[in-house]
N, C-alpha and C. Protein backbone atom coordinates (compact mmCIF):
# COMPACT_ATOMS: atom_id res chain seq x y z
N MET A 1 0.61 -1.06 0.12
CA MET A 1 0.23 0.29 -0.07
C MET A 1 0.93 1.54 0.10
N ASN A 2 0.61 2.40 -0.75
CA ASN A 2 1.38 3.31 -0.38
C ASN A 2 0.44 4.14 -0.34
N LYS A 3 1.05 5.65 -0.24
CA LYS A 3 1.32 6.67 0.29
C LYS A 3 -0.67 7.29 -0.12
N ASP A 4 -0.58 7.44 -1.68
CA ASP A 4 -1.93 7.74 -1.52
C ASP A 4 -3.45 6.75 -1.30
N GLU A 5 -2.97 5.38 -1.10
CA GLU A 5 -4.10 4.28 -1.02
C GLU A 5 -4.42 4.62 0.43
N LEU A 6 -2.94 4.86 1.71
CA LEU A 6 -3.87 5.22 2.68
C LEU A 6 -4.30 6.50 2.63
N LYS A 7 -4.14 7.24 2.04
CA LYS A 7 -4.39 8.71 2.29
C LYS A 7 -6.29 8.63 1.70
N GLY A 8 -6.45 8.02 1.01
CA GLY A 8 -7.91 7.70 0.30
C GLY A 8 -8.66 7.14 1.44
N LYS A 9 -7.91 5.89 1.61
CA LYS A 9 -8.78 5.30 3.13
C LYS A 9 -9.16 6.21 4.15
N VAL A 10 -8.14 6.94 4.76
CA VAL A 10 -8.22 8.03 5.96
C VAL A 10 -9.32 9.04 5.38
N GLU A 11 -9.12 9.36 4.20
CA GLU A 11 -10.45 10.34 4.10
C GLU A 11 -11.64 9.81 3.44
N LYS A 12 -12.07 8.13 2.83
CA LYS A 12 -13.10 7.80 3.07
C LYS A 12 -14.23 7.37 4.52
N ALA A 13 -12.91 7.05 5.54
CA ALA A 13 -13.03 6.77 6.64
C ALA A 13 -14.24 8.37 7.21
N LYS A 14 -13.59 9.14 7.23
CA LYS A 14 -13.51 10.31 7.45
C LYS A 14 -14.58 11.03 6.80
N GLY A 15 -15.27 11.06 5.75
CA GLY A 15 -16.25 11.05 5.30
C GLY A 15 -17.67 10.00 5.33
N TYR A 16 -17.08 9.49 5.61
CA TYR A 16 -18.35 8.37 6.15
C TYR A 16 -18.79 8.33 7.27
N VAL A 17 -18.14 8.93 8.18
CA VAL A 17 -18.13 9.23 10.08
C VAL A 17 -18.93 10.46 9.44
N LYS A 18 -18.62 11.43 8.76
CA LYS A 18 -19.25 13.10 8.28
C LYS A 18 -20.91 12.65 7.71
N GLU A 19 -20.63 12.00 6.90
CA GLU A 19 -21.85 11.08 6.30
C GLU A 19 -23.17 10.71 7.30
N GLN A 20 -22.73 10.29 8.16
CA GLN A 20 -23.03 9.22 9.30
C GLN A 20 -23.56 9.92 10.55
N VAL A 21 -23.09 11.58 10.73
CA VAL A 21 -23.39 12.14 11.72
C VAL A 21 -24.21 13.17 11.32
N GLY A 22 -24.41 13.52 9.80
CA GLY A 22 -24.67 14.25 9.44
C GLY A 22 -26.73 13.62 9.15
N LYS A 23 -26.33 12.49 9.22
CA LYS A 23 -27.82 11.43 8.82
C LYS A 23 -28.82 11.95 10.17
N ALA A 24 -27.87 11.54 11.07
CA ALA A 24 -28.15 11.61 12.80
C ALA A 24 -28.70 12.99 12.88
N THR A 25 -28.13 13.39 12.84
CA THR A 25 -28.83 14.94 13.24
C THR A 25 -29.49 15.81 12.58
N ASP A 26 -29.76 15.00 11.57
CA ASP A 26 -30.99 15.97 10.18
C ASP A 26 -29.94 16.91 9.45
N ASP A 27 -28.85 17.15 9.33
CA ASP A 27 -27.78 18.00 8.92
C ASP A 27 -27.57 18.18 7.47
N PRO A 28 -28.17 18.29 6.83
CA PRO A 28 -28.11 18.11 4.69
C PRO A 28 -27.00 18.41 4.73
N ASP A 29 -26.58 19.63 4.49
CA ASP A 29 -24.67 20.09 4.64
C ASP A 29 -23.63 19.13 5.21
N LEU A 30 -24.15 18.61 6.10
CA LEU A 30 -22.66 17.72 6.87
C LEU A 30 -22.50 16.55 6.12
N GLU A 31 -24.09 16.16 6.15
CA GLU A 31 -24.18 14.23 5.55
C GLU A 31 -23.67 14.71 3.51
N ALA A 32 -23.69 15.69 2.75
CA ALA A 32 -23.56 15.73 1.77
C ALA A 32 -21.79 16.00 1.54
N GLU A 33 -21.41 17.15 2.22
CA GLU A 33 -19.84 16.93 3.18
C GLU A 33 -19.14 15.76 2.97
N GLY A 34 -19.66 15.82 3.97
CA GLY A 34 -18.83 13.44 4.27
C GLY A 34 -19.17 12.92 2.53
N GLY A 35 -20.42 13.20 2.30
CA GLY A 35 -20.62 12.43 1.11
C GLY A 35 -19.39 12.47 -0.54
N ALA A 36 -19.04 13.79 -0.49
CA ALA A 36 -17.86 14.56 -1.38
C ALA A 36 -16.50 14.16 -0.88
N GLN A 37 -16.70 14.17 0.45
CA GLN A 37 -15.04 13.67 1.09
C GLN A 37 -15.05 12.12 1.17
N ARG A 38 -16.34 11.44 1.18
CA ARG A 38 -15.76 9.78 1.34
C ARG A 38 -15.38 9.58 -0.80
N GLY A 39 -16.37 10.22 -1.37
CA GLY A 39 -15.99 10.39 -3.18
C GLY A 39 -14.54 10.51 -3.34
N ALA A 40 -13.66 11.36 -3.16
CA ALA A 40 -12.77 12.20 -3.39
C ALA A 40 -11.81 10.73 -2.86
N GLY A 41 -11.66 10.50 -1.60
CA GLY A 41 -10.86 9.50 -0.93
C GLY A 41 -11.11 8.30 -2.06
N GLU A 42 -12.06 7.95 -2.03
CA GLU A 42 -11.97 6.43 -3.43
C GLU A 42 -11.81 6.94 -4.50
N VAL A 43 -11.30 8.21 -4.81
CA VAL A 43 -10.69 8.35 -6.11
C VAL A 43 -9.37 8.24 -5.92
N GLN A 44 -8.65 8.60 -4.49
CA GLN A 44 -7.22 8.98 -4.65
C GLN A 44 -7.06 7.67 -4.15
N GLU A 45 -8.23 6.51 -3.67
CA GLU A 45 -7.37 5.26 -3.05
C GLU A 45 -7.28 4.91 -4.88
N GLY A 46 -8.26 5.35 -5.28
CA GLY A 46 -8.17 4.19 -6.70
C GLY A 46 -6.59 4.77 -7.60
N PHE A 47 -6.45 5.71 -7.32
CA PHE A 47 -5.23 6.61 -8.15
C PHE A 47 -3.96 5.60 -7.66
N GLY A 48 -4.18 5.25 -6.26
CA GLY A 48 -2.81 4.99 -5.49
C GLY A 48 -2.71 3.53 -5.87
N LYS A 49 -3.98 2.76 -6.02
CA LYS A 49 -4.32 1.28 -6.46
C LYS A 49 -3.32 1.54 -7.50
N ALA A 50 -3.99 2.21 -8.57
CA ALA A 50 -3.44 2.22 -10.16
C ALA A 50 -1.77 2.35 -10.28
N ARG A 51 -1.52 2.94 -9.47
CA ARG A 51 0.04 3.51 -9.23
C ARG A 51 0.68 2.74 -8.98
N ARG A 52 0.34 1.66 -7.86
CA ARG A 52 1.31 0.57 -7.55
C ARG A 52 1.02 -0.75 -8.66
N LYS A 53 0.08 -0.67 -9.10
CA LYS A 53 0.07 -1.61 -10.25
C LYS A 53 1.16 -1.12 -11.45
N VAL A 54 0.88 -0.65 -11.96
CA VAL A 54 1.78 0.29 -12.71
C VAL A 54 3.29 -0.28 -12.42
N GLY A 55 3.68 0.37 -11.01
CA GLY A 55 5.00 -0.18 -10.46
C GLY A 55 5.28 -1.32 -10.28
N GLU A 56 4.56 -2.53 -9.81
CA GLU A 56 4.83 -4.07 -10.04
C GLU A 56 4.62 -4.11 -11.31
N ALA A 57 4.29 -3.70 -12.49
CA ALA A 57 4.37 -4.46 -13.91
C ALA A 57 5.73 -3.82 -14.07
N VAL A 58 6.35 -2.92 -13.77
CA VAL A 58 7.41 -2.45 -13.98
C VAL A 58 8.43 -3.33 -13.72
N LYS A 59 8.33 -3.44 -12.31
CA LYS A 59 9.89 -4.30 -11.65
C LYS A 59 9.93 -5.82 -11.86
N LYS A 60 8.55 -6.18 -12.64
CA LYS A 60 8.50 -7.54 -13.53
C LYS A 60 9.10 -7.86 -14.88
N VAL A 61 8.85 -6.53 -15.17
CA VAL A 61 9.68 -6.24 -16.77
C VAL A 61 11.10 -6.74 -16.51
N GLY A 62 11.53 -5.20 -15.74
CA GLY A 62 12.64 -5.70 -15.36
C GLY A 62 13.12 -6.31 -15.12
N ASP A 63 12.70 -7.71 -13.99
CA ASP A 63 12.91 -8.48 -13.41
C ASP A 63 13.34 -9.94 -14.70
N ALA A 64 12.05 -10.06 -16.10
CA ALA A 64 11.99 -10.82 -16.79
C ALA A 64 13.19 -10.31 -17.82
N ILE A 65 14.17 -8.98 -18.07
CA ILE A 65 15.20 -8.91 -18.33
C ILE A 65 16.12 -8.79 -17.99
N LYS A 66 15.92 -9.61 -16.86
CA LYS A 66 17.57 -9.55 -16.07
C LYS A 66 17.79 -11.28 -16.12
N ASP A 67 16.63 -11.55 -16.22
CA ASP A 67 16.73 -13.50 -16.53
C ASP A 67 16.87 -13.83 -18.10
C-alpha cells in the first residue's frame, strides 16, 4: 500500500463518519460534505492502487529482462 492508497482510505473513513453524523443530526450539509469527502477518498485510493500496479508491472518487466 502506498501513501495515496492510505490517504484515500483515511479520507473515505472521515467522509463516512461525517455522512453518518449528518444523517443522525438531520444536517444535510454535513451529510453532503461527508459524501463528497468519501468520494474524493475513493478517487485518491483508486489512483494509489493504479500507481502501485504500474510499479509492480515495471518491476516484473525489469526482472524478466535480467533473466
